[in-house]
Amino acid sequence: MKEIKKIRIIAVVAFLVAIASLSISYSSLNTTKEVKGIALVEPNVISLKISDIDNLVCDDGSSISEGIILDNTITFNTSLRTVGSSCSFDFVILNNGSYDVTLNGGILDNLNNEHVTYELIGVNKGDSLKIGESKKVSLKVSYNDFVRDEWTEVPVINLNEVQYKFDFEKNI
């Protein structure tokens, strides 16, 4: 009799422990924590920005407009008066992205004139810009020395809305 009573007590205690364990497990699964607040998550971006155009210089009566900047592109107008004349200006390129970048040079769009050459001074293809780093460079547009034999007079070259756009990629 005593043994049966002991077994019943042990069984009741085990049953109560099992019920308590199941209740605790169930309540922990159904409990949700609410965290209030705002978290700003900035996306990782590859970005190069052009700024601070200055030191516009032309020779031989040529002229150049101060460029219009849109991110990594400068749009400008220039008028080159004689063979060998040139115009140049300085500007700053800034890596304002989330990655270091490698500069692959640039593209001069809307040029469409075989008598005009351009040169980017102060940066080379393959140069790197670390995050937040900037570099001052110059762009020089020149009336090259090639003159057609049939010309009796060398024409003035007017270039409108010429765009220089940097080409760059994420460092691996």
N, C-alpha and C. Protein backbone atom coordinates (compact mmCIF):
# COMPACT_ATOMS: atom_id res chain seq x y z
N MET A 1 0.80 -1.17 0.00
CA MET A 1 0.00 0.00 0.00
C MET A 1 0.86 1.26 0.00
N LYS A 2 1.89 1.19 0.85
CA LYS A 2 2.77 2.34 0.89
C LYS A 2 3.47 2.54 -0.46
N GLU A 3 3.78 1.44 -1.09
CA GLU A 3 4.46 1.55 -2.37
C GLU A 3 3.55 2.10 -3.44
N ILE A 4 2.32 1.75 -3.43
CA ILE A 4 1.37 2.27 -4.41
C ILE A 4 1.16 3.75 -4.16
N LYS A 5 1.09 4.15 -2.92
CA LYS A 5 0.93 5.56 -2.58
C LYS A 5 2.15 6.35 -3.06
N LYS A 6 3.36 5.79 -2.86
CA LYS A 6 4.59 6.45 -3.31
C LYS A 6 4.59 6.61 -4.83
N ILE A 7 4.17 5.57 -5.53
CA ILE A 7 4.15 5.60 -7.00
C ILE A 7 3.14 6.66 -7.47
N ARG A 8 1.98 6.72 -6.77
CA ARG A 8 0.98 7.74 -7.14
C ARG A 8 1.52 9.14 -6.92
N ILE A 9 2.21 9.38 -5.84
CA ILE A 9 2.77 10.70 -5.53
C ILE A 9 3.82 11.06 -6.59
N ILE A 10 4.67 10.11 -6.92
CA ILE A 10 5.71 10.35 -7.93
C ILE A 10 5.06 10.63 -9.28
N ALA A 11 4.01 9.88 -9.60
CA ALA A 11 3.33 10.08 -10.88
C ALA A 11 2.66 11.45 -10.93
N VAL A 12 2.03 11.87 -9.83
CA VAL A 12 1.39 13.19 -9.78
C VAL A 12 2.43 14.30 -9.90
N VAL A 13 3.54 14.18 -9.21
CA VAL A 13 4.62 15.19 -9.27
C VAL A 13 5.18 15.24 -10.70
N ALA A 14 5.42 14.08 -11.30
CA ALA A 14 5.93 14.05 -12.68
C ALA A 14 4.94 14.67 -13.64
N PHE A 15 3.67 14.38 -13.43
CA PHE A 15 2.63 14.98 -14.28
C PHE A 15 2.61 16.49 -14.13
N LEU A 16 2.69 16.99 -12.89
CA LEU A 16 2.70 18.45 -12.64
C LEU A 16 3.95 19.11 -13.26
N VAL A 17 5.10 18.45 -13.18
CA VAL A 17 6.34 18.97 -13.78
C VAL A 17 6.19 19.02 -15.30
N ALA A 18 5.60 17.98 -15.88
CA ALA A 18 5.41 17.96 -17.33
C ALA A 18 4.47 19.07 -17.77
N ILE A 19 3.37 19.26 -17.03
CA ILE A 19 2.41 20.34 -17.35
C ILE A 19 3.09 21.70 -17.22
N ALA A 20 3.87 21.90 -16.17
CA ALA A 20 4.56 23.18 -15.97
C ALA A 20 5.56 23.42 -17.10
N SER A 21 6.30 22.38 -17.51
CA SER A 21 7.26 22.52 -18.61
C SER A 21 6.56 22.87 -19.91
N LEU A 22 5.48 22.20 -20.21
CA LEU A 22 4.73 22.50 -21.43
C LEU A 22 4.16 23.91 -21.40
N SER A 23 3.66 24.34 -20.26
CA SER A 23 3.11 25.70 -20.14
C SER A 23 4.19 26.75 -20.37
N ILE A 24 5.34 26.56 -19.77
CA ILE A 24 6.45 27.52 -19.94
C ILE A 24 6.90 27.53 -21.40
N SER A 25 7.03 26.37 -22.02
CA SER A 25 7.45 26.30 -23.43
C SER A 25 6.44 26.99 -24.33
N TYR A 26 5.16 26.71 -24.10
CA TYR A 26 4.11 27.32 -24.92
C TYR A 26 4.10 28.84 -24.78
N SER A 27 4.23 29.34 -23.57
CA SER A 27 4.19 30.79 -23.36
C SER A 27 5.42 31.48 -23.96
N SER A 28 6.57 30.80 -23.92
CA SER A 28 7.76 31.42 -24.51
C SER A 28 7.66 31.46 -26.03
N LEU A 29 7.01 30.48 -26.64
CA LEU A 29 6.84 30.49 -28.09
C LEU A 29 5.82 31.54 -28.54
N ASN A 30 4.85 31.82 -27.72
CA ASN A 30 3.80 32.78 -28.08
C ASN A 30 4.11 34.21 -27.65
N THR A 31 5.18 34.42 -26.95
CA THR A 31 5.53 35.76 -26.49
C THR A 31 6.32 36.47 -27.57
N THR A 32 5.93 37.69 -27.88
CA THR A 32 6.68 38.48 -28.85
C THR A 32 7.21 39.72 -28.16
N LYS A 33 8.39 40.08 -28.53
CA LYS A 33 8.99 41.30 -28.01
C LYS A 33 8.81 42.39 -29.04
N GLU A 34 8.39 43.54 -28.59
CA GLU A 34 8.22 44.67 -29.49
C GLU A 34 9.31 45.68 -29.20
N VAL A 35 10.13 45.95 -30.23
CA VAL A 35 11.21 46.90 -30.11
C VAL A 35 10.79 48.15 -30.86
N LYS A 36 10.70 49.24 -30.15
CA LYS A 36 10.30 50.49 -30.80
C LYS A 36 11.54 51.33 -31.06
N GLY A 37 11.56 51.98 -32.22
CA GLY A 37 12.67 52.83 -32.58
C GLY A 37 12.84 52.85 -34.09
N ILE A 38 13.80 53.63 -34.52
CA ILE A 38 14.06 53.77 -35.95
C ILE A 38 15.50 53.37 -36.20
N ALA A 39 15.69 52.58 -37.22
CA ALA A 39 17.04 52.19 -37.62
C ALA A 39 17.26 52.66 -39.04
N LEU A 40 18.32 53.39 -39.27
CA LEU A 40 18.66 53.86 -40.60
C LEU A 40 19.69 52.91 -41.20
N VAL A 41 19.31 52.26 -42.28
CA VAL A 41 20.21 51.35 -42.97
C VAL A 41 20.58 51.99 -44.29
N GLU A 42 21.84 52.35 -44.41
CA GLU A 42 22.30 52.97 -45.64
C GLU A 42 22.78 51.89 -46.61
N PRO A 43 22.35 51.98 -47.86
CA PRO A 43 22.78 50.97 -48.83
C PRO A 43 24.25 51.15 -49.20
N ASN A 44 24.88 50.06 -49.56
CA ASN A 44 26.25 50.13 -50.06
C ASN A 44 26.20 50.61 -51.50
N VAL A 45 26.91 51.68 -51.80
CA VAL A 45 26.88 52.25 -53.15
C VAL A 45 28.29 52.49 -53.67
N ILE A 46 28.39 52.46 -54.97
CA ILE A 46 29.62 52.86 -55.65
C ILE A 46 29.32 54.22 -56.24
N SER A 47 30.03 55.26 -55.81
CA SER A 47 29.69 56.61 -56.25
C SER A 47 30.94 57.47 -56.37
N LEU A 48 31.00 58.21 -57.45
CA LEU A 48 32.08 59.16 -57.69
C LEU A 48 31.43 60.48 -58.04
N LYS A 49 31.85 61.55 -57.38
CA LYS A 49 31.23 62.86 -57.59
C LYS A 49 32.29 63.86 -58.03
N ILE A 50 31.90 64.73 -58.96
CA ILE A 50 32.77 65.81 -59.43
C ILE A 50 32.30 67.09 -58.78
N SER A 51 33.24 67.93 -58.36
CA SER A 51 32.89 69.21 -57.75
C SER A 51 34.00 70.24 -57.98
N ASP A 52 33.73 71.45 -57.54
CA ASP A 52 34.72 72.53 -57.47
C ASP A 52 35.47 72.81 -58.77
N ILE A 53 34.75 73.20 -59.81
CA ILE A 53 35.39 73.59 -61.06
C ILE A 53 36.04 74.96 -60.86
N ASP A 54 37.30 75.08 -61.24
CA ASP A 54 37.98 76.37 -61.14
C ASP A 54 39.15 76.42 -62.12
N ASN A 55 39.85 77.53 -62.13
CA ASN A 55 41.06 77.73 -62.94
C ASN A 55 40.80 77.50 -64.43
N LEU A 56 39.74 78.14 -64.95
CA LEU A 56 39.43 78.04 -66.37
C LEU A 56 40.46 78.88 -67.14
N VAL A 57 41.21 78.24 -68.03
CA VAL A 57 42.29 78.92 -68.75
C VAL A 57 42.17 78.60 -70.24
N CYS A 58 42.24 79.64 -71.07
CA CYS A 58 42.26 79.47 -72.53
C CYS A 58 43.35 80.35 -73.11
N ASP A 59 43.84 79.97 -74.28
CA ASP A 59 44.83 80.81 -74.94
C ASP A 59 44.35 81.17 -76.35
N ASP A 60 45.01 82.12 -76.99
CA ASP A 60 44.74 82.54 -78.38
C ASP A 60 43.29 82.97 -78.61
N GLY A 61 42.67 83.62 -77.64
CA GLY A 61 41.31 84.12 -77.81
C GLY A 61 40.23 83.06 -77.74
N SER A 62 40.58 81.85 -77.37
CA SER A 62 39.60 80.79 -77.21
C SER A 62 38.82 81.01 -75.92
N SER A 63 37.69 80.30 -75.77
CA SER A 63 36.89 80.48 -74.56
C SER A 63 36.27 79.14 -74.13
N ILE A 64 35.94 79.07 -72.85
CA ILE A 64 35.29 77.88 -72.30
C ILE A 64 34.32 78.32 -71.22
N SER A 65 33.17 77.67 -71.16
CA SER A 65 32.20 77.98 -70.12
C SER A 65 32.51 77.19 -68.86
N GLU A 66 32.09 77.72 -67.72
CA GLU A 66 32.21 76.94 -66.49
C GLU A 66 31.24 75.78 -66.62
N GLY A 67 31.70 74.61 -66.36
CA GLY A 67 30.89 73.41 -66.57
C GLY A 67 29.71 73.28 -65.63
N ILE A 68 28.76 72.50 -66.07
CA ILE A 68 27.62 72.12 -65.25
C ILE A 68 27.89 70.70 -64.77
N ILE A 69 27.79 70.48 -63.46
CA ILE A 69 28.14 69.19 -62.88
C ILE A 69 26.87 68.42 -62.54
N LEU A 70 26.87 67.14 -62.90
CA LEU A 70 25.81 66.22 -62.47
C LEU A 70 26.50 64.91 -62.10
N ASP A 71 26.67 64.70 -60.80
CA ASP A 71 27.35 63.52 -60.24
C ASP A 71 28.75 63.36 -60.82
N ASN A 72 28.97 62.39 -61.70
CA ASN A 72 30.31 62.14 -62.24
C ASN A 72 30.47 62.61 -63.68
N THR A 73 29.66 63.63 -64.07
CA THR A 73 29.70 64.17 -65.43
C THR A 73 29.78 65.70 -65.40
N ILE A 74 30.62 66.27 -66.25
CA ILE A 74 30.70 67.72 -66.45
C ILE A 74 30.26 68.01 -67.87
N THR A 75 29.36 68.98 -68.05
CA THR A 75 28.95 69.43 -69.38
C THR A 75 29.45 70.86 -69.55
N PHE A 76 30.12 71.14 -70.68
CA PHE A 76 30.67 72.48 -70.90
C PHE A 76 30.64 72.83 -72.38
N ASN A 77 30.81 74.12 -72.69
CA ASN A 77 30.92 74.64 -74.05
C ASN A 77 32.30 75.26 -74.20
N THR A 78 32.87 75.12 -75.38
CA THR A 78 34.16 75.76 -75.64
C THR A 78 34.24 76.21 -77.09
N SER A 79 35.05 77.23 -77.32
CA SER A 79 35.31 77.73 -78.67
C SER A 79 36.82 77.84 -78.84
N LEU A 80 37.37 77.04 -79.76
CA LEU A 80 38.81 77.03 -80.00
C LEU A 80 39.07 77.82 -81.29
N ARG A 81 39.87 78.88 -81.18
CA ARG A 81 40.04 79.85 -82.27
C ARG A 81 41.08 79.49 -83.32
N THR A 82 42.20 78.89 -82.91
CA THR A 82 43.28 78.63 -83.87
C THR A 82 43.89 77.26 -83.62
N VAL A 83 44.59 76.76 -84.64
CA VAL A 83 45.29 75.49 -84.50
C VAL A 83 46.31 75.63 -83.37
N GLY A 84 46.34 74.65 -82.49
CA GLY A 84 47.26 74.66 -81.36
C GLY A 84 46.68 75.31 -80.11
N SER A 85 45.55 76.01 -80.24
CA SER A 85 44.97 76.65 -79.05
C SER A 85 44.30 75.59 -78.17
N SER A 86 44.14 75.93 -76.90
CA SER A 86 43.55 74.98 -75.96
C SER A 86 42.84 75.71 -74.83
N CYS A 87 41.98 74.98 -74.16
CA CYS A 87 41.30 75.45 -72.96
C CYS A 87 41.37 74.33 -71.94
N SER A 88 41.48 74.71 -70.68
CA SER A 88 41.52 73.70 -69.63
C SER A 88 40.84 74.23 -68.38
N PHE A 89 40.48 73.31 -67.51
CA PHE A 89 39.94 73.69 -66.20
C PHE A 89 40.24 72.57 -65.22
N ASP A 90 40.27 72.94 -63.94
CA ASP A 90 40.52 72.00 -62.86
C ASP A 90 39.20 71.65 -62.19
N PHE A 91 39.16 70.47 -61.61
CA PHE A 91 38.00 70.07 -60.82
C PHE A 91 38.43 68.98 -59.85
N VAL A 92 37.57 68.68 -58.91
CA VAL A 92 37.87 67.69 -57.89
C VAL A 92 36.96 66.48 -58.10
N ILE A 93 37.55 65.28 -58.01
CA ILE A 93 36.74 64.07 -58.02
C ILE A 93 36.78 63.49 -56.60
N LEU A 94 35.63 63.05 -56.12
CA LEU A 94 35.50 62.55 -54.75
C LEU A 94 34.80 61.20 -54.75
N ASN A 95 35.38 60.25 -54.06
CA ASN A 95 34.74 58.95 -53.87
C ASN A 95 33.82 59.07 -52.66
N ASN A 96 32.54 59.30 -52.90
CA ASN A 96 31.60 59.42 -51.79
C ASN A 96 30.72 58.18 -51.65
N GLY A 97 31.23 57.05 -52.11
CA GLY A 97 30.50 55.80 -52.02
C GLY A 97 30.92 54.98 -50.82
N SER A 98 30.52 53.73 -50.81
CA SER A 98 30.81 52.81 -49.71
C SER A 98 31.98 51.88 -50.00
N TYR A 99 32.58 52.01 -51.16
CA TYR A 99 33.68 51.15 -51.57
C TYR A 99 34.82 51.97 -52.15
N ASP A 100 36.05 51.44 -52.07
CA ASP A 100 37.16 52.01 -52.82
C ASP A 100 36.87 51.77 -54.30
N VAL A 101 37.29 52.71 -55.17
CA VAL A 101 37.04 52.55 -56.60
C VAL A 101 38.35 52.65 -57.38
N THR A 102 38.33 52.06 -58.56
CA THR A 102 39.43 52.16 -59.52
C THR A 102 38.94 53.01 -60.68
N LEU A 103 39.72 54.03 -61.04
CA LEU A 103 39.35 54.92 -62.14
C LEU A 103 39.80 54.28 -63.45
N ASN A 104 38.87 54.24 -64.41
CA ASN A 104 39.17 53.66 -65.71
C ASN A 104 39.28 54.74 -66.79
N GLY A 105 39.56 55.96 -66.38
CA GLY A 105 39.62 57.05 -67.35
C GLY A 105 38.27 57.71 -67.48
N GLY A 106 38.02 58.22 -68.65
CA GLY A 106 36.75 58.90 -68.87
C GLY A 106 36.38 58.91 -70.33
N ILE A 107 35.20 59.41 -70.57
CA ILE A 107 34.66 59.45 -71.92
C ILE A 107 34.24 60.88 -72.21
N LEU A 108 34.67 61.42 -73.35
CA LEU A 108 34.25 62.76 -73.78
C LEU A 108 33.20 62.57 -74.86
N ASP A 109 31.94 62.82 -74.49
CA ASP A 109 30.82 62.67 -75.42
C ASP A 109 30.54 63.98 -76.14
N ASN A 110 29.84 63.89 -77.25
CA ASN A 110 29.42 65.04 -78.06
C ASN A 110 30.61 65.81 -78.62
N LEU A 111 31.75 65.17 -78.74
CA LEU A 111 32.92 65.85 -79.29
C LEU A 111 32.81 65.90 -80.81
N ASN A 112 32.65 64.77 -81.44
CA ASN A 112 32.38 64.67 -82.89
C ASN A 112 33.22 65.62 -83.75
N ASN A 113 34.50 65.77 -83.45
CA ASN A 113 35.36 66.62 -84.25
C ASN A 113 36.77 66.04 -84.23
N GLU A 114 37.24 65.62 -85.40
CA GLU A 114 38.57 65.00 -85.48
C GLU A 114 39.71 65.97 -85.22
N HIS A 115 39.42 67.25 -85.19
CA HIS A 115 40.47 68.26 -84.98
C HIS A 115 40.63 68.65 -83.52
N VAL A 116 39.88 67.99 -82.65
CA VAL A 116 39.95 68.31 -81.23
C VAL A 116 40.43 67.08 -80.47
N THR A 117 41.39 67.30 -79.58
CA THR A 117 41.87 66.24 -78.70
C THR A 117 41.64 66.67 -77.26
N TYR A 118 41.66 65.72 -76.36
CA TYR A 118 41.54 66.07 -74.95
C TYR A 118 42.50 65.22 -74.13
N GLU A 119 42.84 65.76 -72.96
CA GLU A 119 43.79 65.09 -72.08
C GLU A 119 43.34 65.31 -70.64
N LEU A 120 43.32 64.25 -69.87
CA LEU A 120 43.02 64.33 -68.45
C LEU A 120 44.35 64.30 -67.71
N ILE A 121 44.61 65.33 -66.91
CA ILE A 121 45.90 65.49 -66.24
C ILE A 121 45.69 65.34 -64.73
N GLY A 122 46.52 64.53 -64.10
CA GLY A 122 46.46 64.39 -62.64
C GLY A 122 45.87 63.07 -62.18
N VAL A 123 45.41 62.27 -63.11
CA VAL A 123 44.88 60.95 -62.76
C VAL A 123 45.14 60.01 -63.95
N ASN A 124 45.45 58.78 -63.65
CA ASN A 124 45.73 57.79 -64.68
C ASN A 124 44.76 56.63 -64.59
N LYS A 125 44.58 55.95 -65.69
CA LYS A 125 43.75 54.75 -65.70
C LYS A 125 44.34 53.75 -64.72
N GLY A 126 43.49 53.20 -63.86
CA GLY A 126 43.94 52.25 -62.86
C GLY A 126 44.22 52.85 -61.50
N ASP A 127 44.22 54.19 -61.39
CA ASP A 127 44.40 54.83 -60.08
C ASP A 127 43.23 54.47 -59.18
N SER A 128 43.50 54.37 -57.89
CA SER A 128 42.45 54.05 -56.92
C SER A 128 42.10 55.28 -56.10
N LEU A 129 40.83 55.36 -55.71
CA LEU A 129 40.36 56.36 -54.76
C LEU A 129 39.71 55.61 -53.61
N LYS A 130 40.23 55.79 -52.41
CA LYS A 130 39.65 55.16 -51.24
C LYS A 130 38.37 55.89 -50.85
N ILE A 131 37.57 55.28 -50.00
CA ILE A 131 36.33 55.88 -49.53
C ILE A 131 36.63 57.23 -48.91
N GLY A 132 35.94 58.28 -49.37
CA GLY A 132 36.12 59.63 -48.83
C GLY A 132 37.31 60.39 -49.40
N GLU A 133 38.14 59.75 -50.20
CA GLU A 133 39.33 60.40 -50.77
C GLU A 133 38.94 61.24 -51.98
N SER A 134 39.64 62.35 -52.17
CA SER A 134 39.41 63.20 -53.34
C SER A 134 40.73 63.47 -54.05
N LYS A 135 40.61 63.90 -55.31
CA LYS A 135 41.81 64.19 -56.10
C LYS A 135 41.48 65.34 -57.04
N LYS A 136 42.40 66.31 -57.14
CA LYS A 136 42.23 67.43 -58.05
C LYS A 136 42.86 67.07 -59.40
N VAL A 137 42.08 67.23 -60.46
CA VAL A 137 42.55 66.90 -61.80
C VAL A 137 42.21 68.03 -62.77
N SER A 138 42.80 67.99 -63.95
CA SER A 138 42.55 68.98 -64.99
C SER A 138 42.11 68.29 -66.27
N LEU A 139 41.24 68.96 -67.02
CA LEU A 139 40.83 68.50 -68.34
C LEU A 139 41.26 69.56 -69.34
N LYS A 140 42.02 69.15 -70.35
CA LYS A 140 42.51 70.06 -71.37
C LYS A 140 41.95 69.65 -72.72
N VAL A 141 41.31 70.59 -73.41
CA VAL A 141 40.75 70.36 -74.74
C VAL A 141 41.57 71.21 -75.71
N SER A 142 42.10 70.59 -76.78
CA SER A 142 43.00 71.29 -77.70
C SER A 142 42.57 71.15 -79.15
N TYR A 143 42.87 72.19 -79.92
CA TYR A 143 42.72 72.18 -81.38
C TYR A 143 44.01 71.56 -81.88
N ASN A 144 43.95 70.31 -82.37
CA ASN A 144 45.20 69.63 -82.72
C ASN A 144 45.85 70.25 -83.96
N ASP A 145 47.08 69.86 -84.18
CA ASP A 145 47.88 70.47 -85.24
C ASP A 145 47.56 69.96 -86.63
N PHE A 146 46.62 69.05 -86.77
CA PHE A 146 46.25 68.54 -88.07
C PHE A 146 45.42 69.59 -88.81
N VAL A 147 45.90 70.05 -89.94
CA VAL A 147 45.17 71.04 -90.75
C VAL A 147 45.03 70.47 -92.16
N ARG A 148 43.86 70.54 -92.69
CA ARG A 148 43.62 70.02 -94.04
C ARG A 148 44.30 70.92 -95.07
N ASP A 149 44.89 70.31 -96.08
CA ASP A 149 45.59 71.06 -97.12
C ASP A 149 44.66 71.98 -97.90
N GLU A 150 43.38 71.57 -98.03
CA GLU A 150 42.47 72.37 -98.85
C GLU A 150 41.94 73.60 -98.10
N TRP A 151 42.24 73.72 -96.81
CA TRP A 151 41.75 74.88 -96.07
C TRP A 151 42.56 76.12 -96.45
N THR A 152 41.89 77.18 -96.81
CA THR A 152 42.57 78.46 -97.03
C THR A 152 42.56 79.26 -95.74
N GLU A 153 41.59 78.95 -94.89
CA GLU A 153 41.48 79.62 -93.60
C GLU A 153 41.13 78.56 -92.56
N VAL A 154 41.75 78.64 -91.41
CA VAL A 154 41.48 77.66 -90.36
C VAL A 154 40.19 78.05 -89.65
N PRO A 155 39.20 77.17 -89.64
CA PRO A 155 37.93 77.54 -89.02
C PRO A 155 37.99 77.52 -87.49
N VAL A 156 37.13 78.32 -86.88
CA VAL A 156 36.95 78.29 -85.43
C VAL A 156 36.12 77.05 -85.11
N ILE A 157 36.49 76.35 -84.08
CA ILE A 157 35.74 75.16 -83.68
C ILE A 157 34.91 75.50 -82.45
N ASN A 158 33.59 75.39 -82.58
CA ASN A 158 32.69 75.62 -81.46
C ASN A 158 32.12 74.27 -81.02
N LEU A 159 32.31 73.96 -79.78
CA LEU A 159 31.81 72.70 -79.23
C LEU A 159 30.76 73.03 -78.18
N ASN A 160 29.55 72.52 -78.37
CA ASN A 160 28.46 72.80 -77.44
C ASN A 160 28.05 71.53 -76.71
N GLU A 161 27.80 71.69 -75.44
CA GLU A 161 27.34 70.61 -74.57
C GLU A 161 28.23 69.37 -74.65
N VAL A 162 29.53 69.61 -74.58
CA VAL A 162 30.49 68.50 -74.51
C VAL A 162 30.41 67.93 -73.10
N GLN A 163 30.39 66.62 -72.99
CA GLN A 163 30.29 65.99 -71.67
C GLN A 163 31.50 65.12 -71.41
N TYR A 164 32.11 65.31 -70.25
CA TYR A 164 33.18 64.42 -69.80
C TYR A 164 32.61 63.59 -68.66
N LYS A 165 32.63 62.28 -68.82
CA LYS A 165 32.07 61.38 -67.81
C LYS A 165 33.15 60.41 -67.36
N PHE A 166 33.35 60.32 -66.03
CA PHE A 166 34.31 59.38 -65.48
C PHE A 166 33.76 57.97 -65.53
N ASP A 167 34.64 57.04 -65.84
CA ASP A 167 34.33 55.63 -65.82
C ASP A 167 35.10 55.04 -64.64
N PHE A 168 34.43 54.29 -63.77
CA PHE A 168 35.08 53.74 -62.58
C PHE A 168 34.39 52.44 -62.19
N GLU A 169 35.07 51.69 -61.33
CA GLU A 169 34.50 50.42 -60.88
C GLU A 169 34.94 50.16 -59.43
N LYS A 170 34.20 49.28 -58.76
CA LYS A 170 34.50 48.91 -57.38
C LYS A 170 35.80 48.12 -57.33
N ASN A 171 36.65 48.45 -56.35
CA ASN A 171 37.86 47.64 -56.12
C ASN A 171 37.46 46.30 -55.57
N ILE A 172 38.13 45.28 -56.04
CA ILE A 172 37.81 43.93 -55.57
C ILE A 172 38.75 43.55 -54.44
